[in-house]
């Protein structure tokens, strides 16, 4: 009888101890394996346009392709020549643009053929964010809106890219649309993220 009493006491103590510890929080122990929803190319492009608008090179650099860098093209034709072609900058070079006072040759001016020799800051003012593209009159995905006399080869150069275009048909009536401008951002996908590989400025050319 005494042994039975002791046995019942031990069983009750074990049950009571288990109850005090509470249920195991398996969810807390398990790593968060839930995948985040990938950002769309439209949303990524919007981020890039706002970074350009705000001169936020830190933000822009984070969107530059980590392996390919980003190529800057002053007019529609993308020149990939090793000598005299459009310049390609890597992530850290773009991040350092605000402190970079070196003058680079970015291409050649339409009409005169003179070399475009500018600092990054000067180039951005003249051949990147030349209008309020964050509030563009028209936008498109993989469809060319603004066209002039320059050859169009963006889809040949960037066959794996999705290209967003931001377009204004003109600003002053006296020019009858010859002052149109557009900015194109070419993105390639890598590890479920969209990265900039090309920034193409376009406008009416001779």
Foldseek 3Di string as FASTA:
>chain_A
DVVVVVVVVVVVVVVVVVVVVPDDPVVVVDDPPDDDDFDDPVVVVLQCLVCLVVVPLLSQLVQADQPQAAWEAQAQDQAPDPPQGADGDHSVVSSCQVVWFAWDFGHADFPPRHTRTGRSVVCSCRRAPVDSLSPAPDKDKPDDDDDEDDDHCVCVVCVQWIKMKGWDQDDDVVVVSQFIKMWIWTWHDDPSHTHTHYIHIHGYGD
